[in-house]
């Protein structure tokens, strides 16, 4: 079982920035495919970005010019730097671990973009 814990959410004004962190347990973190998702009220959970074991990243079009993900294998951590935030970015943000056919989720962290 892999434990996944997100942090860094909060209230931010439109146009502001926020950095989310995610720590995942396990001695083989460097092999994990790490993903960031979000779920807004009344909407389905959507994939935002992934960072692969070698450090390659992919992004959904809706965030690729504003969000950046990275990983630090020495700290078993992955990050999501979010810039130019908009009210429509308000959602619960989740970190996901992919390892083969197994997947693990964190509990999520709330991000609210409002003035």
Protein backbone atom coordinates (compact mmCIF):
# COMPACT_ATOMS: atom_id res chain seq x y z
CA UNK A 1 0.00 0.00 0.00
CA UNK A 2 1.30 3.44 -0.95
CA UNK A 3 0.36 6.38 1.23
CA UNK A 4 -0.17 9.65 -0.61
CA UNK A 5 -0.49 13.01 1.10
CA UNK A 6 -1.11 16.35 -0.61
CA UNK A 7 -0.56 19.76 0.94
CA UNK A 8 -0.36 23.41 -0.01
CA UNK A 9 -3.93 24.22 -0.90
CA UNK A 10 -5.70 27.33 0.30
CA UNK A 11 -7.39 30.55 -0.69
CA UNK A 12 -5.72 32.70 -3.34
CA UNK A 13 -6.80 35.73 -5.29
CA UNK A 14 -7.30 35.59 -9.06
CA UNK A 15 -3.99 36.00 -10.82
CA UNK A 16 -2.12 34.60 -7.86
CA UNK A 17 0.10 31.56 -7.51
CA UNK A 18 0.12 28.48 -5.36
CA UNK A 19 2.41 25.48 -5.02
CA UNK A 20 1.03 22.10 -4.13
CA UNK A 21 3.15 19.30 -2.75
CA UNK A 22 2.60 15.58 -2.64
CA UNK A 23 4.54 12.98 -0.70
CA UNK A 24 4.21 9.30 -1.47
CA UNK A 25 5.55 6.45 0.63
CA UNK A 26 7.70 3.63 -0.66
CA UNK A 27 11.29 2.88 -1.47
CA UNK A 28 10.70 2.78 -5.22
CA UNK A 29 9.27 6.27 -5.62
CA UNK A 30 11.51 6.91 -8.61
CA UNK A 31 9.52 4.28 -10.53
CA UNK A 32 6.14 5.87 -9.84
CA UNK A 33 4.20 7.74 -12.48
CA UNK A 34 2.85 10.74 -10.60
CA UNK A 35 -0.25 12.58 -11.67
CA UNK A 36 -2.17 15.66 -10.62
CA UNK A 37 -5.96 15.75 -10.92
CA UNK A 38 -8.69 18.06 -9.75
CA UNK A 39 -12.39 17.85 -9.15
CA UNK A 40 -14.66 20.86 -9.03
CA UNK A 41 -18.12 20.71 -7.46
CA UNK A 42 -20.55 18.93 -9.74
CA UNK A 43 -17.85 17.95 -12.20
CA UNK A 44 -15.85 14.85 -12.91
CA UNK A 45 -12.28 14.45 -11.78
CA UNK A 46 -9.92 15.59 -14.51
CA UNK A 47 -6.28 14.91 -15.21
CA UNK A 48 -4.05 17.99 -15.23
CA UNK A 49 -0.48 16.79 -15.51
CA UNK A 50 1.81 13.81 -15.17
CA UNK A 51 5.47 13.42 -14.39
CA UNK A 52 7.11 10.17 -15.38
CA UNK A 53 9.99 8.31 -13.75
CA UNK A 54 12.56 9.90 -16.03
CA UNK A 55 11.19 13.38 -15.37
CA UNK A 56 9.23 13.84 -18.57
CA UNK A 57 6.00 15.73 -18.12
CA UNK A 58 2.67 16.01 -19.90
CA UNK A 59 -0.08 18.58 -19.42
CA UNK A 60 -3.67 19.05 -20.36
CA UNK A 61 -4.26 21.98 -22.68
CA UNK A 62 -6.28 23.85 -20.09
CA UNK A 63 -3.30 24.27 -17.78
CA UNK A 64 -0.13 23.73 -19.78
CA UNK A 65 0.77 27.42 -19.97
CA UNK A 66 0.14 28.07 -16.29
CA UNK A 67 0.94 24.91 -14.32
CA UNK A 68 4.27 23.14 -13.93
CA UNK A 69 4.88 19.80 -12.29
CA UNK A 70 8.18 18.41 -11.09
CA UNK A 71 9.48 15.67 -8.87
CA UNK A 72 12.20 15.22 -6.30
CA UNK A 73 12.92 11.53 -5.95
CA UNK A 74 15.22 12.09 -2.98
CA UNK A 75 12.23 13.48 -1.08
CA UNK A 76 9.58 11.12 -2.48
CA UNK A 77 7.81 14.26 -3.57
CA UNK A 78 6.10 15.81 -6.53
CA UNK A 79 5.03 19.41 -6.92
CA UNK A 80 2.49 21.41 -8.87
CA UNK A 81 3.33 25.06 -9.34
CA UNK A 82 0.21 26.95 -10.36
CA UNK A 83 0.34 30.48 -11.72
CA UNK A 84 -2.17 33.00 -13.05
CA UNK A 85 -4.92 31.25 -11.15
CA UNK A 86 -8.53 31.79 -12.17
CA UNK A 87 -11.78 31.30 -10.28
CA UNK A 88 -12.49 28.28 -12.48
CA UNK A 89 -9.37 26.62 -11.04
CA UNK A 90 -11.25 26.25 -7.77
CA UNK A 91 -11.40 22.56 -6.97
CA UNK A 92 -10.05 19.79 -4.80
CA UNK A 93 -6.65 18.82 -6.15
CA UNK A 94 -5.50 15.23 -5.94
CA UNK A 95 -2.18 13.50 -6.32
CA UNK A 96 -2.13 10.09 -7.94
CA UNK A 97 0.50 7.36 -7.91
CA UNK A 98 0.65 4.91 -10.78
CA UNK A 99 2.73 1.77 -10.45
CA UNK A 100 2.03 -0.84 -13.04
CA UNK A 101 -1.66 -1.64 -12.81
CA UNK A 102 -1.96 -0.23 -9.32
CA UNK A 103 -3.04 3.29 -8.56
CA UNK A 104 -3.21 5.19 -5.29
CA UNK A 105 -4.85 8.46 -4.36
CA UNK A 106 -4.32 11.09 -1.75
CA UNK A 107 -7.12 12.70 0.21
CA UNK A 108 -6.95 15.90 -1.80
CA UNK A 109 -6.28 19.52 -0.96
CA UNK A 110 -8.74 22.35 -1.53
CA UNK A 111 -7.77 25.25 -3.76
CA UNK A 112 -10.10 28.23 -3.83
CA UNK A 113 -9.49 31.13 -6.18
CA UNK A 114 -11.56 34.10 -5.15
CA UNK A 115 -11.28 37.79 -4.41
